[in-house]
C-alpha atoms as a PDB file:
ATOM      1  CA  ARG A   1     -22.412  -8.717 -15.801  1.00  0.00           C
ATOM      2  CA  THR A   2     -25.855 -10.183 -16.235  1.00  0.00           C
ATOM      3  CA  GLY A   3     -26.600 -10.866 -12.577  1.00  0.00           C
ATOM      4  CA  GLY A   4     -24.978 -11.822  -9.343  1.00  0.00           C
ATOM      5  CA  THR A   5     -25.178 -12.359  -5.650  1.00  0.00           C
ATOM      6  CA  THR A   6     -23.256 -11.710  -2.477  1.00  0.00           C
ATOM      7  CA  LEU A   7     -22.070 -15.006  -1.001  1.00  0.00           C
ATOM      8  CA  VAL A   8     -20.556 -13.582   2.196  1.00  0.00           C
ATOM      9  CA  LYS A   9     -20.448 -10.034   3.539  1.00  0.00           C
ATOM     10  CA  GLY A  10     -17.932  -9.272   6.255  1.00  0.00           C
ATOM     11  CA  GLY A  11     -16.829  -6.119   8.016  1.00  0.00           C
ATOM     12  CA  PHE A  12     -15.325  -4.569   4.890  1.00  0.00           C
ATOM     13  CA  LEU A  13     -14.933  -7.445   2.409  1.00  0.00           C
ATOM     14  CA  GLU A  14     -17.652  -8.991   0.307  1.00  0.00           C
ATOM     15  CA  LEU A  15     -17.382 -12.324  -1.537  1.00  0.00           C
ATOM     16  CA  ARG A  16     -19.429 -12.121  -4.749  1.00  0.00           C
ATOM     17  CA  ARG A  17     -20.481 -14.520  -7.502  1.00  0.00           C
ATOM     18  CA  ASP A  18     -21.475 -12.723 -10.699  1.00  0.00           C
ATOM     19  CA  ASP A  19     -23.059 -14.094 -13.830  1.00  0.00           C
ATOM     20  CA  VAL A  20     -21.265 -12.735 -16.891  1.00  0.00           C
ATOM     21  CA  ARG A  21     -21.481 -12.898 -20.665  1.00  0.00           C
ATOM     22  CA  LEU A  22     -18.154 -13.802 -22.308  1.00  0.00           C
ATOM     23  CA  PRO A  23     -16.877 -12.278 -25.582  1.00  0.00           C
ATOM     24  CA  ASP A  24     -18.029 -15.379 -27.510  1.00  0.00           C
ATOM     25  CA  GLY A  25     -21.560 -14.986 -26.140  1.00  0.00           C
ATOM     26  CA  SER A  26     -21.424 -17.869 -23.677  1.00  0.00           C
ATOM     27  CA  ALA A  27     -22.409 -17.515 -20.041  1.00  0.00           C
ATOM     28  CA  ALA A  28     -20.051 -17.984 -17.093  1.00  0.00           C
ATOM     29  CA  THR A  29     -19.691 -17.129 -13.427  1.00  0.00           C
ATOM     30  CA  ARG A  30     -16.925 -15.184 -11.718  1.00  0.00           C
ATOM     31  CA  GLU A  31     -16.218 -15.264  -7.988  1.00  0.00           C
ATOM     32  CA  TYR A  32     -14.252 -12.413  -6.487  1.00  0.00           C
ATOM     33  CA  ILE A  33     -13.673 -10.330  -3.385  1.00  0.00           C
ATOM     34  CA  GLN A  34     -15.065  -6.804  -3.409  1.00  0.00           C
ATOM     35  CA  HIS A  35     -12.592  -4.583  -1.518  1.00  0.00           C
ATOM     36  CA  PRO A  36     -12.875  -0.828  -0.742  1.00  0.00           C
ATOM     37  CA  GLY A  37      -9.280  -0.115  -1.786  1.00  0.00           C
ATOM     38  CA  ALA A  38      -6.165   0.816   0.131  1.00  0.00           C
ATOM     39  CA  VAL A  39      -3.133   3.066   0.145  1.00  0.00           C
ATOM     40  CA  ALA A  40       0.518   2.241   0.707  1.00  0.00           C
ATOM     41  CA  ILE A  41       3.189   4.721   1.675  1.00  0.00           C
ATOM     42  CA  VAL A  42       6.879   4.854   0.773  1.00  0.00           C
ATOM     43  CA  PRO A  43       8.272   7.004   3.626  1.00  0.00           C
ATOM     44  CA  LEU A  44      11.701   8.395   2.695  1.00  0.00           C
ATOM     45  CA  LEU A  45      14.297   9.552   5.204  1.00  0.00           C
ATOM     46  CA  ASP A  46      16.959  11.470   3.284  1.00  0.00           C
ATOM     47  CA  ASP A  47      18.843  12.668   6.343  1.00  0.00           C
ATOM     48  CA  GLY A  48      22.128  10.873   5.708  1.00  0.00           C
ATOM     49  CA  PRO A  49      24.513   9.720   3.034  1.00  0.00           C
ATOM     50  CA  GLU A  50      22.086   7.006   1.867  1.00  0.00           C
ATOM     51  CA  LEU A  51      18.317   7.098   1.505  1.00  0.00           C
ATOM     52  CA  ARG A  52      16.475   5.219   4.252  1.00  0.00           C
ATOM     53  CA  LEU A  53      12.924   3.892   4.241  1.00  0.00           C
ATOM     54  CA  VAL A  54      10.508   3.633   7.132  1.00  0.00           C
ATOM     55  CA  LEU A  55       8.910   0.204   7.157  1.00  0.00           C
ATOM     56  CA  VAL A  56       6.700  -1.816   9.443  1.00  0.00           C
ATOM     57  CA  ARG A  57       7.083  -5.362  10.615  1.00  0.00           C
ATOM     58  CA  GLN A  58       3.818  -7.097  11.436  1.00  0.00           C
ATOM     59  CA  TYR A  59       2.251 -10.517  11.746  1.00  0.00           C
ATOM     60  CA  ARG A  60      -0.039 -11.379   8.838  1.00  0.00           C
ATOM     61  CA  TYR A  61      -2.631 -13.896   9.996  1.00  0.00           C
ATOM     62  CA  PRO A  62      -3.605 -15.374   6.578  1.00  0.00           C
ATOM     63  CA  LEU A  63       0.070 -16.238   5.952  1.00  0.00           C
ATOM     64  CA  ALA A  64       0.901 -17.102   9.581  1.00  0.00           C
ATOM     65  CA  LYS A  65       4.142 -15.128   9.419  1.00  0.00           C
ATOM     66  CA  VAL A  66       5.713 -11.777  10.173  1.00  0.00           C
ATOM     67  CA  LEU A  67       6.320  -9.605   7.103  1.00  0.00           C
ATOM     68  CA  LEU A  68       8.420  -6.521   6.505  1.00  0.00           C
ATOM     69  CA  GLU A  69       6.325  -4.006   4.541  1.00  0.00           C
ATOM     70  CA  ILE A  70       5.842  -0.385   3.654  1.00  0.00           C
ATOM     71  CA  PRO A  71       3.015   1.110   5.762  1.00  0.00           C
ATOM     72  CA  ALA A  72      -0.455   0.633   4.296  1.00  0.00           C
ATOM     73  CA  GLY A  73      -4.125   0.574   5.157  1.00  0.00           C
ATOM     74  CA  LYS A  74      -7.614   0.495   3.730  1.00  0.00           C
ATOM     75  CA  LEU A  75      -9.656   3.497   2.707  1.00  0.00           C
ATOM     76  CA  GLU A  76     -12.516   4.486   4.965  1.00  0.00           C
ATOM     77  CA  PRO A  77     -15.854   5.271   3.230  1.00  0.00           C
ATOM     78  CA  GLY A  78     -15.601   8.661   1.499  1.00  0.00           C
ATOM     79  CA  GLU A  79     -11.939   9.136   2.454  1.00  0.00           C
ATOM     80  CA  ALA A  80      -9.561  10.664  -0.100  1.00  0.00           C
ATOM     81  CA  GLN A  81      -6.477   8.621  -0.955  1.00  0.00           C
ATOM     82  CA  LEU A  82      -3.962  11.196   0.257  1.00  0.00           C
ATOM     83  CA  ALA A  83      -5.857  11.740   3.513  1.00  0.00           C
ATOM     84  CA  CYS A  84      -5.799   7.977   4.054  1.00  0.00           C
ATOM     85  CA  ALA A  85      -2.055   7.859   3.325  1.00  0.00           C
ATOM     86  CA  MET A  86      -1.394  10.635   5.844  1.00  0.00           C
ATOM     87  CA  ARG A  87      -3.543   8.918   8.469  1.00  0.00           C
ATOM     88  CA  GLU A  88      -2.024   5.470   7.963  1.00  0.00           C
ATOM     89  CA  LEU A  89       1.565   6.740   8.040  1.00  0.00           C
ATOM     90  CA  GLN A  90       0.989   8.436  11.386  1.00  0.00           C
ATOM     91  CA  GLU A  91      -1.066   5.594  12.881  1.00  0.00           C
ATOM     92  CA  GLU A  92       1.390   2.844  11.966  1.00  0.00           C
ATOM     93  CA  THR A  93       4.755   4.611  12.329  1.00  0.00           C
ATOM     94  CA  GLY A  94       4.178   7.897  14.170  1.00  0.00           C
ATOM     95  CA  TYR A  95       5.747   9.843  11.299  1.00  0.00           C
ATOM     96  CA  THR A  96       4.158  12.790   9.539  1.00  0.00           C
ATOM     97  CA  ALA A  97       5.395  14.096   6.187  1.00  0.00           C
ATOM     98  CA  ALA A  98       5.814  17.616   4.810  1.00  0.00           C
ATOM     99  CA  GLU A  99       5.571  16.529   1.162  1.00  0.00           C
ATOM    100  CA  TRP A 100       3.775  13.816  -0.766  1.00  0.00           C
ATOM    101  CA  ALA A 101       3.976  12.464  -4.325  1.00  0.00           C
ATOM    102  CA  PHE A 102       1.602  10.048  -6.014  1.00  0.00           C
ATOM    103  CA  GLY A 103       3.325   6.964  -7.380  1.00  0.00           C
ATOM    104  CA  THR A 104       0.805   4.682  -9.053  1.00  0.00           C
ATOM    105  CA  GLU A 105      -2.168   2.381  -8.645  1.00  0.00           C
ATOM    106  CA  ILE A 106      -1.628  -1.368  -8.466  1.00  0.00           C
ATOM    107  CA  HIS A 107      -3.918  -4.401  -8.448  1.00  0.00           C
ATOM    108  CA  ASN A 108      -2.127  -7.101  -6.501  1.00  0.00           C
ATOM    109  CA  ALA A 109      -4.710  -9.874  -7.029  1.00  0.00           C
ATOM    110  CA  ALA A 110      -6.703  -8.884 -10.134  1.00  0.00           C
ATOM    111  CA  ALA A 111      -7.850 -12.466 -10.816  1.00  0.00           C
ATOM    112  CA  TYR A 112      -9.983 -12.614  -7.678  1.00  0.00           C
ATOM    113  CA  SER A 113     -10.124  -9.205  -5.971  1.00  0.00           C
ATOM    114  CA  SER A 114     -11.281  -5.698  -6.904  1.00  0.00           C
ATOM    115  CA  GLU A 115      -8.708  -4.165  -4.525  1.00  0.00           C
ATOM    116  CA  SER A 116      -6.696  -1.231  -5.823  1.00  0.00           C
ATOM    117  CA  ILE A 117      -3.709   0.018  -3.852  1.00  0.00           C
ATOM    118  CA  TRP A 118      -2.682   3.622  -4.468  1.00  0.00           C
ATOM    119  CA  ILE A 119       0.983   4.115  -3.640  1.00  0.00           C
ATOM    120  CA  TRP A 120       2.214   7.464  -2.286  1.00  0.00           C
ATOM    121  CA  LEU A 121       5.742   8.631  -1.510  1.00  0.00           C
ATOM    122  CA  ALA A 122       6.344  10.781   1.583  1.00  0.00           C
ATOM    123  CA  ARG A 123       9.345  12.918   2.531  1.00  0.00           C
ATOM    124  CA  GLY A 124      10.238  15.604   5.026  1.00  0.00           C
ATOM    125  CA  LEU A 125       9.391  13.146   7.786  1.00  0.00           C
ATOM    126  CA  VAL A 126       8.990  14.139  11.414  1.00  0.00           C
ATOM    127  CA  ALA A 127       8.902  11.391  14.051  1.00  0.00           C
ATOM    128  CA  GLY A 128       6.111  11.169  16.599  1.00  0.00           C
ATOM    129  CA  PRO A 129       4.193   8.544  18.548  1.00  0.00           C
ATOM    130  CA  ALA A 130       2.547   5.741  16.580  1.00  0.00           C
ATOM    131  CA  ARG A 131      -1.187   5.273  17.099  1.00  0.00           C
ATOM    132  CA  PRO A 132      -2.031   1.813  15.750  1.00  0.00           C
ATOM    133  CA  ASP A 133      -5.638   0.689  15.579  1.00  0.00           C
ATOM    134  CA  ALA A 134      -6.948  -1.597  18.324  1.00  0.00           C
ATOM    135  CA  GLY A 135      -5.640  -5.098  17.668  1.00  0.00           C
ATOM    136  CA  GLU A 136      -2.896  -3.829  15.338  1.00  0.00           C
ATOM    137  CA  PHE A 137       0.649  -4.587  16.474  1.00  0.00           C
ATOM    138  CA  VAL A 138       3.362  -3.103  14.281  1.00  0.00           C
ATOM    139  CA  GLU A 139       7.048  -2.465  14.792  1.00  0.00           C
ATOM    140  CA  THR A 140       8.582   0.509  12.996  1.00  0.00           C
ATOM    141  CA  VAL A 141      11.843  -0.296  11.220  1.00  0.00           C
ATOM    142  CA  THR A 142      14.180   1.938   9.203  1.00  0.00           C
ATOM    143  CA  LEU A 143      16.463   0.444   6.578  1.00  0.00           C
ATOM    144  CA  ARG A 144      18.866   1.949   4.088  1.00  0.00           C
ATOM    145  CA  LEU A 145      17.824   1.337   0.503  1.00  0.00           C
ATOM    146  CA  SER A 146      20.824  -0.979   0.033  1.00  0.00           C
ATOM    147  CA  GLU A 147      19.812  -2.976   3.134  1.00  0.00           C
ATOM    148  CA  LEU A 148      16.277  -3.383   1.824  1.00  0.00           C
ATOM    149  CA  ALA A 149      17.650  -4.515  -1.537  1.00  0.00           C
ATOM    150  CA  ALA A 150      19.765  -7.135   0.272  1.00  0.00           C
ATOM    151  CA  VAL A 151      16.670  -8.365   2.160  1.00  0.00           C
ATOM    152  CA  HIS A 152      14.915  -8.716  -1.203  1.00  0.00           C
ATOM    153  CA  ASP A 153      17.884 -10.500  -2.764  1.00  0.00           C
ATOM    154  CA  ARG A 154      17.805 -13.067   0.074  1.00  0.00           C
ATOM    155  CA  GLY A 155      14.136 -13.789  -0.738  1.00  0.00           C
ATOM    156  CA  GLU A 156      12.926 -12.261   2.543  1.00  0.00           C
ATOM    157  CA  LEU A 157      10.616  -9.602   1.086  1.00  0.00           C
ATOM    158  CA  PRO A 158       7.489 -11.416  -0.130  1.00  0.00           C
ATOM    159  CA  ASP A 159       5.149  -8.403   0.081  1.00  0.00           C
ATOM    160  CA  VAL A 160       4.372  -7.245  -3.480  1.00  0.00           C
ATOM    161  CA  LYS A 161       3.733  -3.573  -2.708  1.00  0.00           C
ATOM    162  CA  THR A 162       7.069  -3.349  -0.889  1.00  0.00           C
ATOM    163  CA  GLN A 163       8.897  -5.101  -3.725  1.00  0.00           C
ATOM    164  CA  LEU A 164       7.369  -2.662  -6.186  1.00  0.00           C
ATOM    165  CA  ALA A 165       8.373   0.330  -4.045  1.00  0.00           C
ATOM    166  CA  LEU A 166      11.947  -0.963  -3.895  1.00  0.00           C
ATOM    167  CA  HIS A 167      11.985  -1.434  -7.670  1.00  0.00           C
ATOM    168  CA  TRP A 168      10.725   2.144  -8.227  1.00  0.00           C
ATOM    169  CA  LEU A 169      13.254   3.677  -5.900  1.00  0.00           C
ATOM    170  CA  LEU A 170      16.174   1.828  -7.439  1.00  0.00           C
ATOM    171  CA  ARG A 171      14.955   2.745 -10.929  1.00  0.00           C
ATOM    172  CA  ALA A 172      14.425   6.389  -9.942  1.00  0.00           C
ATOM    173  CA  GLN A 173      17.978   6.540  -8.609  1.00  0.00           C
ATOM    174  CA  ALA A 174      19.309   5.048 -11.850  1.00  0.00           C
ATOM    175  CA  THR A 175      17.301   7.326 -14.164  1.00  0.00           C
ATOM    176  CA  GLY A 176      16.991  10.500 -12.084  1.00  0.00           C
ATOM    177  CA  ARG A 177      13.188  10.330 -12.345  1.00  0.00           C
ATOM    178  CA  PRO A 178      11.526  13.310 -10.632  1.00  0.00           C
ATOM    179  CA  TRP A 179       8.419  12.808  -8.523  1.00  0.00           C
ATOM    180  CA  PRO A 180       5.542  15.371  -8.519  1.00  0.00           C
ATOM    181  CA  TRP A 181       5.922  16.499  -4.888  1.00  0.00           C
ATOM    182  CA  GLN A 182       3.193  18.544  -3.212  1.00  0.00           C
ATOM    183  CA  HIS A 183       2.997  20.046   0.262  1.00  0.00           C
ATOM    184  CA  ALA A 184       0.877  18.180   2.754  1.00  0.00           C
ATOM    185  CA  GLU A 185      -1.216  21.291   3.486  1.00  0.00           C
ATOM    186  CA  THR A 186      -2.283  21.769  -0.151  1.00  0.00           C
ATOM    187  CA  PRO A 187      -2.993  18.343  -1.655  1.00  0.00           C
ATOM    188  CA  ARG A 188      -4.055  18.315  -5.303  1.00  0.00           C
ATOM    189  CA  PRO A 189      -6.747  15.842  -6.333  1.00  0.00           C
ATOM    190  CA  LEU A 190      -5.756  13.031  -8.650  1.00  0.00           C
END
Protein backbone atom coordinates (compact mmCIF):
# COMPACT_ATOMS: atom_id res chain seq x y z
CA ARG A 1 0.00 0.00 0.00
CA THR A 2 1.42 3.34 -1.01
CA GLY A 3 -1.55 5.49 -0.05
CA GLY A 4 -5.29 5.47 0.15
CA THR A 5 -8.49 7.11 1.17
CA THR A 6 -11.81 6.33 2.75
CA LEU A 7 -14.59 6.77 0.20
CA VAL A 8 -17.52 6.13 2.55
CA LYS A 9 -17.62 5.46 6.28
CA GLY A 10 -20.78 3.95 7.70
CA GLY A 11 -21.79 2.66 11.10
CA PHE A 12 -19.33 -0.24 11.04
CA LEU A 13 -18.28 -0.61 7.38
CA GLU A 14 -15.79 1.53 5.53
CA LEU A 15 -15.37 1.63 1.74
CA ARG A 16 -11.69 2.25 0.92
CA ARG A 17 -9.64 2.93 -2.20
CA ASP A 18 -5.95 2.15 -1.71
CA ASP A 19 -3.03 2.86 -3.98
CA VAL A 20 -0.81 -0.21 -4.24
CA ARG A 21 2.43 -1.30 -5.87
CA LEU A 22 2.09 -4.56 -7.82
CA PRO A 23 4.76 -7.30 -7.93
CA ASP A 24 5.95 -6.04 -11.35
CA GLY A 25 6.45 -2.54 -9.94
CA SER A 26 3.43 -0.94 -11.58
CA ALA A 27 0.90 1.11 -9.66
CA ALA A 28 -2.77 0.19 -9.24
CA THR A 29 -5.77 0.91 -7.05
CA ARG A 30 -7.83 -1.52 -5.00
CA GLU A 31 -11.32 -0.81 -3.68
CA TYR A 32 -12.58 -2.87 -0.78
CA ILE A 33 -14.82 -2.91 2.27
CA GLN A 34 -13.11 -2.73 5.65
CA HIS A 35 -15.11 -4.91 8.06
CA PRO A 36 -14.50 -5.50 11.81
CA GLY A 37 -14.97 -9.27 11.53
CA ALA A 38 -17.67 -11.64 12.69
CA VAL A 39 -18.32 -14.99 14.30
CA ALA A 40 -20.64 -17.79 13.26
CA ILE A 41 -21.87 -20.56 15.51
CA VAL A 42 -22.68 -24.19 14.74
CA PRO A 43 -25.05 -25.06 17.63
CA LEU A 44 -25.33 -28.84 18.02
CA LEU A 45 -28.24 -30.61 19.70
CA ASP A 46 -27.19 -34.22 20.29
CA ASP A 47 -30.24 -35.17 22.33
CA GLY A 48 -31.69 -37.77 19.98
CA PRO A 49 -30.82 -40.49 17.53
CA GLU A 50 -29.60 -37.94 14.95
CA LEU A 51 -27.62 -34.75 15.43
CA ARG A 52 -29.71 -31.59 15.09
CA LEU A 53 -28.55 -28.05 14.39
CA VAL A 54 -30.02 -24.81 15.66
CA LEU A 55 -30.39 -22.37 12.80
CA VAL A 56 -31.97 -19.00 12.20
CA ARG A 57 -34.22 -17.88 9.41
CA GLN A 58 -34.01 -14.18 8.64
CA TYR A 59 -34.64 -11.66 5.89
CA ARG A 60 -31.44 -10.40 4.27
CA TYR A 61 -32.05 -6.94 2.83
CA PRO A 62 -29.19 -6.84 0.26
CA LEU A 63 -30.53 -10.07 -1.30
CA ALA A 64 -34.23 -9.28 -0.74
CA LYS A 65 -34.90 -12.80 0.51
CA VAL A 66 -35.21 -14.92 3.62
CA LEU A 67 -32.21 -17.18 4.27
CA LEU A 68 -31.68 -20.17 6.52
CA GLU A 69 -28.33 -19.75 8.31
CA ILE A 70 -26.27 -20.70 11.30
CA PRO A 71 -26.36 -17.89 13.90
CA ALA A 72 -23.74 -15.19 13.38
CA GLY A 73 -22.88 -11.61 14.20
CA LYS A 74 -20.18 -8.99 14.05
CA LEU A 75 -17.50 -8.43 16.65
CA GLU A 76 -17.86 -5.39 18.86
CA PRO A 77 -14.69 -3.27 19.35
CA GLY A 78 -12.30 -5.10 21.69
CA GLU A 79 -14.56 -8.16 21.98
CA ALA A 80 -12.98 -11.62 22.00
CA GLN A 81 -14.23 -14.06 19.36
CA LEU A 82 -15.57 -16.63 21.82
CA ALA A 83 -17.32 -13.96 23.89
CA CYS A 84 -18.96 -12.70 20.69
CA ALA A 85 -20.01 -16.25 19.76
CA MET A 86 -21.59 -16.77 23.18
CA ARG A 87 -23.39 -13.43 22.99
CA GLU A 88 -24.68 -13.94 19.45
CA LEU A 89 -25.93 -17.47 20.12
CA GLN A 90 -27.99 -16.29 23.08
CA GLU A 91 -29.22 -13.09 21.40
CA GLU A 92 -30.36 -14.78 18.19
CA THR A 93 -31.60 -18.16 19.45
CA GLY A 94 -31.90 -17.98 23.25
CA TYR A 95 -29.56 -20.96 23.63
CA THR A 96 -26.48 -21.04 25.82
CA ALA A 97 -23.79 -23.71 25.48
CA ALA A 98 -21.73 -25.61 28.06
CA GLU A 99 -18.87 -26.35 25.64
CA TRP A 100 -17.28 -24.63 22.67
CA ALA A 101 -14.77 -25.66 19.99
CA PHE A 102 -13.05 -23.43 17.47
CA GLY A 103 -13.59 -24.53 13.89
CA THR A 104 -11.77 -22.21 11.51
CA GLU A 105 -11.52 -18.74 10.02
CA ILE A 106 -13.05 -18.05 6.62
CA HIS A 107 -12.99 -15.11 4.21
CA ASN A 108 -16.25 -15.21 2.29
CA ALA A 109 -15.52 -12.29 -0.06
CA ALA A 110 -11.72 -11.90 -0.13
CA ALA A 111 -11.73 -10.06 -3.48
CA TYR A 112 -13.50 -7.02 -2.05
CA SER A 113 -13.84 -7.30 1.74
CA SER A 114 -11.47 -7.64 4.71
CA GLU A 115 -14.14 -9.55 6.68
CA SER A 116 -13.03 -12.66 8.53
CA ILE A 117 -15.62 -14.99 10.02
CA TRP A 118 -14.44 -17.18 12.89
CA ILE A 119 -16.60 -20.29 13.14
CA TRP A 120 -17.26 -21.90 16.54
CA LEU A 121 -19.10 -25.10 17.40
CA ALA A 122 -21.32 -25.19 20.50
CA ARG A 123 -22.78 -28.15 22.39
CA GLY A 124 -24.46 -28.86 25.69
CA LEU A 125 -27.18 -26.41 24.69
CA VAL A 126 -29.77 -25.07 27.10
CA ALA A 127 -32.80 -23.25 25.69
CA GLY A 128 -33.80 -19.81 26.91
CA PRO A 129 -35.41 -16.64 25.59
CA ALA A 130 -33.89 -15.04 22.50
CA ARG A 131 -32.83 -11.41 22.82
CA PRO A 132 -32.38 -10.11 19.26
CA ASP A 133 -31.00 -6.63 18.69
CA ALA A 134 -33.45 -3.82 17.91
CA GLY A 135 -34.54 -4.18 14.30
CA GLU A 136 -33.38 -7.81 14.12
CA PHE A 137 -36.12 -10.33 13.38
CA VAL A 138 -35.00 -13.95 13.46
CA GLU A 139 -36.85 -17.24 13.71
CA THR A 140 -35.09 -20.11 15.46
CA VAL A 141 -35.26 -23.39 13.56
CA THR A 142 -33.90 -26.84 14.44
CA LEU A 143 -33.13 -29.35 11.70
CA ARG A 144 -31.62 -32.81 11.72
CA LEU A 145 -28.32 -32.96 9.88
CA SER A 146 -29.94 -35.10 7.17
CA GLU A 147 -32.73 -32.52 6.75
CA LEU A 148 -30.20 -29.72 6.36
CA ALA A 149 -28.30 -31.79 3.79
CA ALA A 150 -31.56 -32.26 1.85
CA VAL A 151 -32.18 -28.48 1.93
CA HIS A 152 -28.67 -28.00 0.52
CA ASP A 153 -29.20 -30.66 -2.15
CA ARG A 154 -32.35 -28.83 -3.32
CA GLY A 155 -30.28 -25.64 -3.78
CA GLU A 156 -32.05 -23.87 -0.90
CA LEU A 157 -29.00 -23.11 1.25
CA PRO A 158 -27.16 -20.23 -0.43
CA ASP A 159 -25.39 -18.97 2.71
CA VAL A 160 -21.69 -19.88 2.44
CA LYS A 161 -20.94 -20.13 6.17
CA THR A 162 -23.87 -22.51 6.62
CA GLN A 163 -22.80 -24.62 3.64
CA LEU A 164 -19.31 -24.85 5.08
CA ALA A 165 -20.64 -25.87 8.50
CA LEU A 166 -22.73 -28.61 6.88
CA HIS A 167 -19.70 -29.83 4.93
CA TRP A 168 -17.58 -29.97 8.13
CA LEU A 169 -20.19 -31.85 10.09
CA LEU A 170 -20.73 -34.44 7.38
CA ARG A 171 -16.96 -34.86 6.98
CA ALA A 172 -16.45 -35.12 10.75
CA GLN A 173 -19.09 -37.85 10.91
CA ALA A 174 -17.38 -39.73 8.07
CA THR A 175 -13.85 -39.44 9.50
CA GLY A 176 -14.51 -39.37 13.25
CA ARG A 177 -12.67 -36.03 13.53
CA PRO A 178 -12.49 -34.84 17.15
CA TRP A 179 -13.06 -31.19 17.99
CA PRO A 180 -11.02 -29.39 20.72
CA TRP A 181 -13.92 -28.78 23.14
CA GLN A 182 -13.52 -26.38 26.05
CA HIS A 183 -15.91 -25.43 28.83
CA ALA A 184 -17.66 -22.11 28.45
CA GLU A 185 -16.41 -20.92 31.86
CA THR A 186 -12.72 -21.39 30.98
CA PRO A 187 -12.19 -20.28 27.38
CA ARG A 188 -8.65 -20.61 26.05
CA PRO A 189 -7.35 -17.85 23.78
CA LEU A 190 -6.69 -18.71 20.17
